[in-house]
Structure formats: C-alpha cells, structure tokens
Amino acid sequence: MAVPGTKIQGSPPADVAVSELFATDAFRRSFDSTVLEVDREQGRILLARTAFYPGGGGQPHDVGELTWSGVAVPVTKVRREDGRIWHWLETPELPAPGVEVLGPAGTC
C-alpha cells in the first residue's frame, strides 16, 4: 500500500492513525490540533494532526475552516508535500506555532 502523495511503499507510517485522522475515520468532521510550522510566504500551516484529506488517487482535497482565538478561517487548499500535510488559509494573520486550533473539516 502506498501513502497518497508520497513515494513510500509498504505499510503506512506507525503514527498515521494519530496524525492523519481522515485515514481511520473518513466521516470525522471535528478535531483539535496544534500548529507545528507556519509558512507565511505561501499562507499555509502544518498541523500536528488533521481530519482534512489532502487529495490523491483522483480525489480532491477537503476544504473547511479552522478556528483559533474565536475566529474561524477558511481552509482553501490541503496538500501533502514530502510526507507532510499543509493547510492553506484565507487570512492575512496566520496562527503562530504552538497555537491550538479547532477544525470542522469540510468536504471536497
């Protein structure tokens, strides 16, 4: 089995059930997570775990919103790059690393 968006063959990574919530529950719509990394240049963040599907195998990525500090922000794109799942946000102010976010993951 290959993990979508990677060139890894064989079994998925051991922590996939913890970090890629969509892999074990495709109908999950809410989750909490921590921001691990921020890419201000591209307007995207990396989360410790996500329920957003990054697309692959002919399926589109999920869209939805993330909330922090009482503000809900649209997630416009989700993509796996080098085994990491990035979330593009439609906001001028991205959350800092370490910030807790809540997500109702959307649909494709």
PDB file of N, CA and C in Angstrom:
ATOM      1  N   MET A   1       0.843  -1.177   0.000  1.00  0.00           N
ATOM      2  CA  MET A   1       0.000   0.000   0.000  1.00  0.00           C
ATOM      3  C   MET A   1       0.882   1.232   0.000  1.00  0.00           C
ATOM      4  N   ALA A   2       0.529   2.230  -0.766  1.00  0.00           N
ATOM      5  CA  ALA A   2       1.276   3.488  -0.787  1.00  0.00           C
ATOM      6  C   ALA A   2       0.485   4.547  -0.043  1.00  0.00           C
ATOM      7  N   VAL A   3       1.182   5.414   0.637  1.00  0.00           N
ATOM      8  CA  VAL A   3       0.546   6.537   1.302  1.00  0.00           C
ATOM      9  C   VAL A   3       0.368   7.625   0.253  1.00  0.00           C
ATOM     10  N   PRO A   4      -0.870   8.134   0.031  1.00  0.00           N
ATOM     11  CA  PRO A   4      -1.090   9.128  -1.018  1.00  0.00           C
ATOM     12  C   PRO A   4      -0.141  10.312  -0.891  1.00  0.00           C
ATOM     13  N   GLY A   5       0.406  10.741  -2.009  1.00  0.00           N
ATOM     14  CA  GLY A   5       1.279  11.904  -2.019  1.00  0.00           C
ATOM     15  C   GLY A   5       2.715  11.616  -1.645  1.00  0.00           C
ATOM     16  N   THR A   6       3.060  10.357  -1.425  1.00  0.00           N
ATOM     17  CA  THR A   6       4.434  10.002  -1.093  1.00  0.00           C
ATOM     18  C   THR A   6       4.898   8.897  -2.019  1.00  0.00           C
ATOM     19  N   LYS A   7       6.153   8.618  -1.974  1.00  0.00           N
ATOM     20  CA  LYS A   7       6.696   7.511  -2.755  1.00  0.00           C
ATOM     21  C   LYS A   7       6.989   6.319  -1.863  1.00  0.00           C
ATOM     22  N   ILE A   8       6.427   6.325  -0.666  1.00  0.00           N
ATOM     23  CA  ILE A   8       6.642   5.256   0.304  1.00  0.00           C
ATOM     24  C   ILE A   8       5.759   4.074  -0.070  1.00  0.00           C
ATOM     25  N   GLN A   9       6.348   2.924  -0.223  1.00  0.00           N
ATOM     26  CA  GLN A   9       5.594   1.705  -0.490  1.00  0.00           C
ATOM     27  C   GLN A   9       5.566   0.877   0.787  1.00  0.00           C
ATOM     28  N   GLY A  10       4.608   0.003   0.895  1.00  0.00           N
ATOM     29  CA  GLY A  10       4.509  -0.848   2.069  1.00  0.00           C
ATOM     30  C   GLY A  10       3.505  -0.290   3.064  1.00  0.00           C
ATOM     31  N   SER A  11       3.699  -0.596   4.321  1.00  0.00           N
ATOM     32  CA  SER A  11       2.779  -0.165   5.369  1.00  0.00           C
ATOM     33  C   SER A  11       2.865   1.332   5.594  1.00  0.00           C
ATOM     34  N   PRO A  12       1.736   1.953   5.979  1.00  0.00           N
ATOM     35  CA  PRO A  12       1.767   3.377   6.279  1.00  0.00           C
ATOM     36  C   PRO A  12       2.582   3.623   7.546  1.00  0.00           C
ATOM     37  N   PRO A  13       3.026   4.857   7.775  1.00  0.00           N
ATOM     38  CA  PRO A  13       3.780   5.172   8.988  1.00  0.00           C
ATOM     39  C   PRO A  13       2.989   4.793  10.236  1.00  0.00           C
ATOM     40  N   ALA A  14       3.683   4.420  11.292  1.00  0.00           N
ATOM     41  CA  ALA A  14       3.041   3.952  12.527  1.00  0.00           C
ATOM     42  C   ALA A  14       2.115   4.991  13.138  1.00  0.00           C
ATOM     43  N   ASP A  15       2.420   6.267  12.999  1.00  0.00           N
ATOM     44  CA  ASP A  15       1.610   7.297  13.634  1.00  0.00           C
ATOM     45  C   ASP A  15       0.480   7.828  12.752  1.00  0.00           C
ATOM     46  N   VAL A  16       0.218   7.185  11.613  1.00  0.00           N
ATOM     47  CA  VAL A  16      -0.796   7.686  10.693  1.00  0.00           C
ATOM     48  C   VAL A  16      -2.170   7.779  11.356  1.00  0.00           C
ATOM     49  N   ALA A  17      -2.530   6.866  12.217  1.00  0.00           N
ATOM     50  CA  ALA A  17      -3.833   6.899  12.884  1.00  0.00           C
ATOM     51  C   ALA A  17      -3.939   8.075  13.850  1.00  0.00           C
ATOM     52  N   VAL A  18      -2.809   8.552  14.330  1.00  0.00           N
ATOM     53  CA  VAL A  18      -2.792   9.677  15.262  1.00  0.00           C
ATOM     54  C   VAL A  18      -2.754  11.009  14.516  1.00  0.00           C
ATOM     55  N   SER A  19      -1.984  11.090  13.444  1.00  0.00           N
ATOM     56  CA  SER A  19      -1.790  12.366  12.756  1.00  0.00           C
ATOM     57  C   SER A  19      -2.721  12.573  11.560  1.00  0.00           C
ATOM     58  N   GLU A  20      -3.119  11.510  10.889  1.00  0.00           N
ATOM     59  CA  GLU A  20      -3.979  11.610   9.714  1.00  0.00           C
ATOM     60  C   GLU A  20      -5.339  11.001  10.042  1.00  0.00           C
ATOM     61  N   LEU A  21      -6.146  11.785  10.731  1.00  0.00           N
ATOM     62  CA  LEU A  21      -7.423  11.303  11.252  1.00  0.00           C
ATOM     63  C   LEU A  21      -8.362  10.821  10.156  1.00  0.00           C
ATOM     64  N   PHE A  22      -8.272  11.406   8.965  1.00  0.00           N
ATOM     65  CA  PHE A  22      -9.113  11.001   7.838  1.00  0.00           C
ATOM     66  C   PHE A  22      -8.822   9.566   7.407  1.00  0.00           C
ATOM     67  N   ALA A  23      -7.628   9.060   7.739  1.00  0.00           N
ATOM     68  CA  ALA A  23      -7.236   7.711   7.327  1.00  0.00           C
ATOM     69  C   ALA A  23      -7.989   6.633   8.097  1.00  0.00           C
ATOM     70  N   THR A  24      -8.431   6.949   9.302  1.00  0.00           N
ATOM     71  CA  THR A  24      -9.144   5.962  10.108  1.00  0.00           C
ATOM     72  C   THR A  24     -10.629   6.263  10.239  1.00  0.00           C
ATOM     73  N   ASP A  25     -11.035   7.513   9.935  1.00  0.00           N
ATOM     74  CA  ASP A  25     -12.443   7.886  10.016  1.00  0.00           C
ATOM     75  C   ASP A  25     -12.741   8.934   8.949  1.00  0.00           C
ATOM     76  N   ALA A  26     -13.134   8.483   7.788  1.00  0.00           N
ATOM     77  CA  ALA A  26     -13.380   9.382   6.655  1.00  0.00           C
ATOM     78  C   ALA A  26     -14.560  10.319   6.890  1.00  0.00           C
ATOM     79  N   PHE A  27     -15.404  10.024   7.877  1.00  0.00           N
ATOM     80  CA  PHE A  27     -16.576  10.847   8.149  1.00  0.00           C
ATOM     81  C   PHE A  27     -16.366  11.822   9.305  1.00  0.00           C
ATOM     82  N   ARG A  28     -15.194  11.795   9.899  1.00  0.00           N
ATOM     83  CA  ARG A  28     -14.894  12.700  11.020  1.00  0.00           C
ATOM     84  C   ARG A  28     -14.930  14.140  10.531  1.00  0.00           C
ATOM     85  N   ARG A  29     -15.588  15.002  11.275  1.00  0.00           N
ATOM     86  CA  ARG A  29     -15.725  16.391  10.856  1.00  0.00           C
ATOM     87  C   ARG A  29     -15.142  17.380  11.850  1.00  0.00           C
ATOM     88  N   SER A  30     -14.837  16.950  13.066  1.00  0.00           N
ATOM     89  CA  SER A  30     -14.254  17.894  14.020  1.00  0.00           C
ATOM     90  C   SER A  30     -13.007  17.288  14.657  1.00  0.00           C
ATOM     91  N   PHE A  31     -12.068  18.175  14.985  1.00  0.00           N
ATOM     92  CA  PHE A  31     -10.825  17.740  15.609  1.00  0.00           C
ATOM     93  C   PHE A  31     -10.139  18.953  16.204  1.00  0.00           C
ATOM     94  N   ASP A  32      -9.191  18.696  17.078  1.00  0.00           N
ATOM     95  CA  ASP A  32      -8.339  19.771  17.590  1.00  0.00           C
ATOM     96  C   ASP A  32      -6.911  19.402  17.261  1.00  0.00           C
ATOM     97  N   SER A  33      -6.064  20.411  17.180  1.00  0.00           N
ATOM     98  CA  SER A  33      -4.680  20.169  16.820  1.00  0.00           C
ATOM     99  C   SER A  33      -3.822  21.340  17.265  1.00  0.00           C
ATOM    100  N   THR A  34      -2.525  21.178  17.072  1.00  0.00           N
ATOM    101  CA  THR A  34      -1.552  22.213  17.395  1.00  0.00           C
ATOM    102  C   THR A  34      -0.801  22.586  16.128  1.00  0.00           C
ATOM    103  N   VAL A  35      -0.577  23.886  15.931  1.00  0.00           N
ATOM    104  CA  VAL A  35       0.199  24.348  14.786  1.00  0.00           C
ATOM    105  C   VAL A  35       1.666  23.993  15.034  1.00  0.00           C
ATOM    106  N   LEU A  36       2.266  23.256  14.102  1.00  0.00           N
ATOM    107  CA  LEU A  36       3.673  22.870  14.226  1.00  0.00           C
ATOM    108  C   LEU A  36       4.597  23.831  13.489  1.00  0.00           C
ATOM    109  N   GLU A  37       4.151  24.286  12.327  1.00  0.00           N
ATOM    110  CA  GLU A  37       5.005  25.123  11.489  1.00  0.00           C
ATOM    111  C   GLU A  37       4.138  26.084  10.682  1.00  0.00           C
ATOM    112  N   VAL A  38       4.684  27.262  10.408  1.00  0.00           N
ATOM    113  CA  VAL A  38       3.978  28.286   9.639  1.00  0.00           C
ATOM    114  C   VAL A  38       4.841  28.693   8.450  1.00  0.00           C
ATOM    115  N   ASP A  39       4.242  28.722   7.272  1.00  0.00           N
ATOM    116  CA  ASP A  39       4.903  29.189   6.056  1.00  0.00           C
ATOM    117  C   ASP A  39       4.155  30.448   5.618  1.00  0.00           C
ATOM    118  N   ARG A  40       4.590  31.597   6.127  1.00  0.00           N
ATOM    119  CA  ARG A  40       3.904  32.863   5.851  1.00  0.00           C
ATOM    120  C   ARG A  40       3.962  33.240   4.371  1.00  0.00           C
ATOM    121  N   GLU A  41       5.041  32.896   3.718  1.00  0.00           N
ATOM    122  CA  GLU A  41       5.195  33.230   2.308  1.00  0.00           C
ATOM    123  C   GLU A  41       4.098  32.604   1.454  1.00  0.00           C
ATOM    124  N   GLN A  42       3.738  31.353   1.772  1.00  0.00           N
ATOM    125  CA  GLN A  42       2.697  30.662   0.991  1.00  0.00           C
ATOM    126  C   GLN A  42       1.326  30.691   1.664  1.00  0.00           C
ATOM    127  N   GLY A  43       1.246  31.248   2.880  1.00  0.00           N
ATOM    128  CA  GLY A  43      -0.041  31.342   3.569  1.00  0.00           C
ATOM    129  C   GLY A  43      -0.570  30.007   4.027  1.00  0.00           C
ATOM    130  N   ARG A  44       0.333  29.181   4.553  1.00  0.00           N
ATOM    131  CA  ARG A  44      -0.080  27.833   4.943  1.00  0.00           C
ATOM    132  C   ARG A  44       0.517  27.440   6.287  1.00  0.00           C
ATOM    133  N   ILE A  45      -0.120  26.428   6.901  1.00  0.00           N
ATOM    134  CA  ILE A  45       0.352  25.915   8.193  1.00  0.00           C
ATOM    135  C   ILE A  45       0.406  24.398   8.164  1.00  0.00           C
ATOM    136  N   LEU A  46       1.248  23.865   9.034  1.00  0.00           N
ATOM    137  CA  LEU A  46       1.379  22.429   9.229  1.00  0.00           C
ATOM    138  C   LEU A  46       0.825  22.124  10.620  1.00  0.00           C
ATOM    139  N   LEU A  47      -0.060  21.136  10.705  1.00  0.00           N
ATOM    140  CA  LEU A  47      -0.683  20.769  11.980  1.00  0.00           C
ATOM    141  C   LEU A  47      -0.134  19.446  12.503  1.00  0.00           C
ATOM    142  N   ALA A  48      -0.230  19.262  13.806  1.00  0.00           N
ATOM    143  CA  ALA A  48       0.204  18.012  14.426  1.00  0.00           C
ATOM    144  C   ALA A  48      -0.674  16.843  13.977  1.00  0.00           C
ATOM    145  N   ARG A  49      -1.946  17.118  13.739  1.00  0.00           N
ATOM    146  CA  ARG A  49      -2.871  16.109  13.235  1.00  0.00           C
ATOM    147  C   ARG A  49      -3.984  16.817  12.479  1.00  0.00           C
ATOM    148  N   THR A  50      -4.625  16.101  11.570  1.00  0.00           N
ATOM    149  CA  THR A  50      -5.666  16.726  10.756  1.00  0.00           C
ATOM    150  C   THR A  50      -6.723  15.716  10.325  1.00  0.00           C
ATOM    151  N   ALA A  51      -7.926  16.225  10.130  1.00  0.00           N
ATOM    152  CA  ALA A  51      -9.001  15.426   9.545  1.00  0.00           C
ATOM    153  C   ALA A  51      -9.222  15.826   8.084  1.00  0.00           C
ATOM    154  N   PHE A  52      -8.479  16.820   7.602  1.00  0.00           N
ATOM    155  CA  PHE A  52      -8.580  17.260   6.214  1.00  0.00           C
ATOM    156  C   PHE A  52      -7.834  16.286   5.301  1.00  0.00           C
ATOM    157  N   TYR A  53      -8.532  15.776   4.309  1.00  0.00           N
ATOM    158  CA  TYR A  53      -7.912  14.879   3.327  1.00  0.00           C
ATOM    159  C   TYR A  53      -7.125  15.724   2.333  1.00  0.00           C
ATOM    160  N   PRO A  54      -5.847  15.385   2.074  1.00  0.00           N
ATOM    161  CA  PRO A  54      -5.025  16.206   1.191  1.00  0.00           C
ATOM    162  C   PRO A  54      -5.208  15.938  -0.296  1.00  0.00           C
ATOM    163  N   GLY A  55      -6.126  15.093  -0.643  1.00  0.00           N
ATOM    164  CA  GLY A  55      -6.325  14.753  -2.043  1.00  0.00           C
ATOM    165  C   GLY A  55      -5.371  13.650  -2.466  1.00  0.00           C
ATOM    166  N   GLY A  56      -5.695  13.017  -3.565  1.00  0.00           N
ATOM    167  CA  GLY A  56      -4.852  11.940  -4.079  1.00  0.00           C
ATOM    168  C   GLY A  56      -5.706  10.831  -4.642  1.00  0.00           C
ATOM    169  N   GLY A  57      -5.122  10.054  -5.525  1.00  0.00           N
ATOM    170  CA  GLY A  57      -5.850   8.945  -6.116  1.00  0.00           C
ATOM    171  C   GLY A  57      -7.067   9.389  -6.905  1.00  0.00           C
ATOM    172  N   GLY A  58      -7.003  10.602  -7.454  1.00  0.00           N
ATOM    173  CA  GLY A  58      -8.128  11.124  -8.218  1.00  0.00           C
ATOM    174  C   GLY A  58      -9.166  11.852  -7.380  1.00  0.00           C
ATOM    175  N   GLN A  59      -8.995  11.854  -6.060  1.00  0.00           N
ATOM    176  CA  GLN A  59      -9.933  12.529  -5.166  1.00  0.00           C
ATOM    177  C   GLN A  59      -9.432  13.940  -4.861  1.00  0.00           C
ATOM    178  N   PRO A  60     -10.328  14.941  -4.828  1.00  0.00           N
ATOM    179  CA  PRO A  60      -9.908  16.298  -4.489  1.00  0.00           C
ATOM    180  C   PRO A  60      -9.639  16.446  -2.992  1.00  0.00           C
ATOM    181  N   HIS A  61      -8.916  17.487  -2.637  1.00  0.00           N
ATOM    182  CA  HIS A  61      -8.648  17.778  -1.221  1.00  0.00           C
ATOM    183  C   HIS A  61      -9.898  18.327  -0.551  1.00  0.00           C
ATOM    184  N   ASP A  62      -9.945  18.202   0.762  1.00  0.00           N
ATOM    185  CA  ASP A  62     -11.035  18.772   1.544  1.00  0.00           C
ATOM    186  C   ASP A  62     -10.850  20.280   1.681  1.00  0.00           C
ATOM    187  N   VAL A  63     -11.935  20.969   1.945  1.00  0.00           N
ATOM    188  CA  VAL A  63     -11.926  22.369   2.336  1.00  0.00           C
ATOM    189  C   VAL A  63     -12.811  22.486   3.564  1.00  0.00           C
ATOM    190  N   GLY A  64     -12.676  23.564   4.297  1.00  0.00           N
ATOM    191  CA  GLY A  64     -13.462  23.758   5.503  1.00  0.00           C
ATOM    192  C   GLY A  64     -12.962  24.984   6.223  1.00  0.00           C
ATOM    193  N   GLU A  65     -12.878  24.909   7.560  1.00  0.00           N
ATOM    194  CA  GLU A  65     -12.326  26.021   8.308  1.00  0.00           C
ATOM    195  C   GLU A  65     -11.612  25.546   9.555  1.00  0.00           C
ATOM    196  N   LEU A  66     -10.706  26.397  10.013  1.00  0.00           N
ATOM    197  CA  LEU A  66     -10.020  26.211  11.288  1.00  0.00           C
ATOM    198  C   LEU A  66     -10.333  27.416  12.153  1.00  0.00           C
ATOM    199  N   THR A  67     -10.453  27.177  13.451  1.00  0.00           N
ATOM    200  CA  THR A  67     -10.773  28.252  14.383  1.00  0.00           C
ATOM    201  C   THR A  67      -9.702  28.335  15.454  1.00  0.00           C
ATOM    202  N   TRP A  68      -9.279  29.552  15.772  1.00  0.00           N
ATOM    203  CA  TRP A  68      -8.392  29.816  16.901  1.00  0.00           C
ATOM    204  C   TRP A  68      -8.695  31.227  17.379  1.00  0.00           C
ATOM    205  N   SER A  69      -8.550  31.447  18.654  1.00  0.00           N
ATOM    206  CA  SER A  69      -8.830  32.751  19.261  1.00  0.00           C
ATOM    207  C   SER A  69     -10.212  33.266  18.878  1.00  0.00           C
ATOM    208  N   GLY A  70     -11.175  32.362  18.729  1.00  0.00           N
ATOM    209  CA  GLY A  70     -12.549  32.744  18.432  1.00  0.00           C
ATOM    210  C   GLY A  70     -12.818  33.166  16.997  1.00  0.00           C
ATOM    211  N   VAL A  71     -11.846  33.025  16.118  1.00  0.00           N
ATOM    212  CA  VAL A  71     -12.005  33.428  14.724  1.00  0.00           C
ATOM    213  C   VAL A  71     -11.946  32.191  13.824  1.00  0.00           C
ATOM    214  N   ALA A  72     -12.939  32.035  12.961  1.00  0.00           N
ATOM    215  CA  ALA A  72     -12.968  30.932  12.000  1.00  0.00           C
ATOM    216  C   ALA A  72     -12.384  31.415  10.678  1.00  0.00           C
ATOM    217  N   VAL A  73     -11.460  30.629  10.119  1.00  0.00           N
ATOM    218  CA  VAL A  73     -10.764  30.997   8.892  1.00  0.00           C
ATOM    219  C   VAL A  73     -10.909  29.871   7.869  1.00  0.00           C
ATOM    220  N   PRO A  74     -11.255  30.213   6.624  1.00  0.00           N
ATOM    221  CA  PRO A  74     -11.391  29.182   5.590  1.00  0.00           C
ATOM    222  C   PRO A  74     -10.068  28.487   5.254  1.00  0.00           C
ATOM    223  N   VAL A  75     -10.145  27.173   5.119  1.00  0.00           N
ATOM    224  CA  VAL A  75      -9.040  26.365   4.601  1.00  0.00           C
ATOM    225  C   VAL A  75      -9.376  26.164   3.119  1.00  0.00           C
ATOM    226  N   THR A  76      -8.529  26.711   2.242  1.00  0.00           N
ATOM    227  CA  THR A  76      -8.839  26.710   0.815  1.00  0.00           C
ATOM    228  C   THR A  76      -8.138  25.611   0.029  1.00  0.00           C
ATOM    229  N   LYS A  77      -7.082  25.060   0.616  1.00  0.00           N
ATOM    230  CA  LYS A  77      -6.324  24.019  -0.082  1.00  0.00           C
ATOM    231  C   LYS A  77      -5.614  23.169   0.963  1.00  0.00           C
ATOM    232  N   VAL A  78      -5.517  21.882   0.708  1.00  0.00           N
ATOM    233  CA  VAL A  78      -4.793  20.954   1.578  1.00  0.00           C
ATOM    234  C   VAL A  78      -3.982  20.056   0.665  1.00  0.00           C
ATOM    235  N   ARG A  79      -2.685  19.945   0.953  1.00  0.00           N
ATOM    236  CA  ARG A  79      -1.828  19.160   0.067  1.00  0.00           C
ATOM    237  C   ARG A  79      -0.687  18.526   0.844  1.00  0.00           C
ATOM    238  N   ARG A  80      -0.350  17.299   0.441  1.00  0.00           N
ATOM    239  CA  ARG A  80       0.785  16.609   1.044  1.00  0.00           C
ATOM    240  C   ARG A  80       2.039  16.945   0.239  1.00  0.00           C
ATOM    241  N   GLU A  81       3.079  17.385   0.949  1.00  0.00           N
ATOM    242  CA  GLU A  81       4.369  17.661   0.329  1.00  0.00           C
ATOM    243  C   GLU A  81       5.445  17.020   1.188  1.00  0.00           C
ATOM    244  N   ASP A  82       6.248  16.171   0.590  1.00  0.00           N
ATOM    245  CA  ASP A  82       7.324  15.479   1.312  1.00  0.00           C
ATOM    246  C   ASP A  82       6.808  14.787   2.570  1.00  0.00           C
ATOM    247  N   GLY A  83       5.620  14.182   2.473  1.00  0.00           N
ATOM    248  CA  GLY A  83       5.060  13.426   3.580  1.00  0.00           C
ATOM    249  C   GLY A  83       4.379  14.265   4.647  1.00  0.00           C
ATOM    250  N   ARG A  84       4.345  15.586   4.469  1.00  0.00           N
ATOM    251  CA  ARG A  84       3.719  16.480   5.451  1.00  0.00           C
ATOM    252  C   ARG A  84       2.486  17.125   4.827  1.00  0.00           C
ATOM    253  N   ILE A  85       1.429  17.284   5.614  1.00  0.00           N
ATOM    254  CA  ILE A  85       0.174  17.817   5.099  1.00  0.00           C
ATOM    255  C   ILE A  85       0.051  19.294   5.469  1.00  0.00           C
ATOM    256  N   TRP A  86       0.032  20.147   4.436  1.00  0.00           N
ATOM    257  CA  TRP A  86      -0.064  21.594   4.601  1.00  0.00           C
ATOM    258  C   TRP A  86      -1.497  22.054   4.374  1.00  0.00           C
ATOM    259  N   HIS A  87      -1.895  23.092   5.122  1.00  0.00           N
ATOM    260  CA  HIS A  87      -3.232  23.682   5.034  1.00  0.00           C
ATOM    261  C   HIS A  87      -3.078  25.150   4.645  1.00  0.00           C
ATOM    262  N   TRP A  88      -3.635  25.539   3.493  1.00  0.00           N
ATOM    263  CA  TRP A  88      -3.603  26.926   3.048  1.00  0.00           C
ATOM    264  C   TRP A  88      -4.807  27.644   3.643  1.00  0.00           C
ATOM    265  N   LEU A  89      -4.573  28.802   4.239  1.00  0.00           N
ATOM    266  CA  LEU A  89      -5.631  29.550   4.920  1.00  0.00           C
ATOM    267  C   LEU A  89      -5.889  30.883   4.234  1.00  0.00           C
ATOM    268  N   GLU A  90      -7.151  31.270   4.212  1.00  0.00           N
ATOM    269  CA  GLU A  90      -7.543  32.547   3.619  1.00  0.00           C
ATOM    270  C   GLU A  90      -7.611  33.598   4.722  1.00  0.00           C
ATOM    271  N   THR A  91      -6.437  34.075   5.127  1.00  0.00           N
ATOM    272  CA  THR A  91      -6.338  35.097   6.168  1.00  0.00           C
ATOM    273  C   THR A  91      -4.967  35.761   6.087  1.00  0.00           C
ATOM    274  N   PRO A  92      -4.895  37.060   6.405  1.00  0.00           N
ATOM    275  CA  PRO A  92      -3.587  37.715   6.423  1.00  0.00           C
ATOM    276  C   PRO A  92      -2.783  37.378   7.679  1.00  0.00           C
ATOM    277  N   GLU A  93      -3.459  36.946   8.730  1.00  0.00           N
ATOM    278  CA  GLU A  93      -2.800  36.640  10.007  1.00  0.00           C
ATOM    279  C   GLU A  93      -2.852  35.146  10.295  1.00  0.00           C
ATOM    280  N   LEU A  94      -1.745  34.467  10.091  1.00  0.00           N
ATOM    281  CA  LEU A  94      -1.675  33.033  10.377  1.00  0.00           C
ATOM    282  C   LEU A  94      -1.393  32.813  11.855  1.00  0.00           C
ATOM    283  N   PRO A  95      -1.869  31.694  12.413  1.00  0.00           N
ATOM    284  CA  PRO A  95      -1.568  31.397  13.815  1.00  0.00           C
ATOM    285  C   PRO A  95      -0.086  31.051  13.968  1.00  0.00           C
ATOM    286  N   ALA A  96       0.454  31.306  15.133  1.00  0.00           N
ATOM    287  CA  ALA A  96       1.857  31.012  15.415  1.00  0.00           C
ATOM    288  C   ALA A  96       2.031  29.545  15.770  1.00  0.00           C
ATOM    289  N   PRO A  97       3.245  29.018  15.630  1.00  0.00           N
ATOM    290  CA  PRO A  97       3.495  27.660  16.098  1.00  0.00           C
ATOM    291  C   PRO A  97       3.143  27.524  17.577  1.00  0.00           C
ATOM    292  N   GLY A  98       2.520  26.401  17.926  1.00  0.00           N
ATOM    293  CA  GLY A  98       2.107  26.155  19.298  1.00  0.00           C
ATOM    294  C   GLY A  98       0.674  26.521  19.579  1.00  0.00           C
ATOM    295  N   VAL A  99       0.025  27.271  18.692  1.00  0.00           N
ATOM    296  CA  VAL A  99      -1.373  27.664  18.869  1.00  0.00           C
ATOM    297  C   VAL A  99      -2.275  26.445  18.652  1.00  0.00           C
ATOM    298  N   GLU A 100      -3.267  26.320  19.508  1.00  0.00           N
ATOM    299  CA  GLU A 100      -4.262  25.252  19.381  1.00  0.00           C
ATOM    300  C   GLU A 100      -5.350  25.715  18.424  1.00  0.00           C
ATOM    301  N   VAL A 101      -5.729  24.855  17.478  1.00  0.00           N
ATOM    302  CA  VAL A 101      -6.792  25.156  16.541  1.00  0.00           C
ATOM    303  C   VAL A 101      -7.872  24.084  16.624  1.00  0.00           C
ATOM    304  N   LEU A 102      -9.069  24.480  16.245  1.00  0.00           N
ATOM    305  CA  LEU A 102     -10.206  23.562  16.167  1.00  0.00           C
ATOM    306  C   LEU A 102     -10.637  23.516  14.724  1.00  0.00           C
ATOM    307  N   GLY A 103     -10.947  22.338  14.272  1.00  0.00           N
ATOM    308  CA  GLY A 103     -11.361  22.223  12.892  1.00  0.00           C
ATOM    309  C   GLY A 103     -12.609  21.429  12.708  1.00  0.00           C
ATOM    310  N   PRO A 104     -13.603  22.092  12.121  1.00  0.00           N
ATOM    311  CA  PRO A 104     -14.571  21.244  11.469  1.00  0.00           C
ATOM    312  C   PRO A 104     -14.034  21.066  10.059  1.00  0.00           C
ATOM    313  N   ALA A 105     -13.573  19.891   9.756  1.00  0.00           N
ATOM    314  CA  ALA A 105     -13.098  19.622   8.404  1.00  0.00           C
ATOM    315  C   ALA A 105     -14.313  19.685   7.503  1.00  0.00           C
ATOM    316  N   GLY A 106     -14.111  20.174   6.343  1.00  0.00           N
ATOM    317  CA  GLY A 106     -15.227  20.317   5.413  1.00  0.00           C
ATOM    318  C   GLY A 106     -15.335  19.114   4.514  1.00  0.00           C
ATOM    319  N   THR A 107     -15.728  19.389   3.319  1.00  0.00           N
ATOM    320  CA  THR A 107     -15.860  18.341   2.314  1.00  0.00           C
ATOM    321  C   THR A 107     -15.151  18.799   1.053  1.00  0.00           C
ATOM    322  N   CYS A 108     -14.999  17.875   0.143  1.00  0.00           N
ATOM    323  CA  CYS A 108     -14.335  18.246  -1.108  1.00  0.00           C
ATOM    324  C   CYS A 108     -15.303  18.898  -2.059  1.00  0.00           C
TER     325      CYS A 108
END
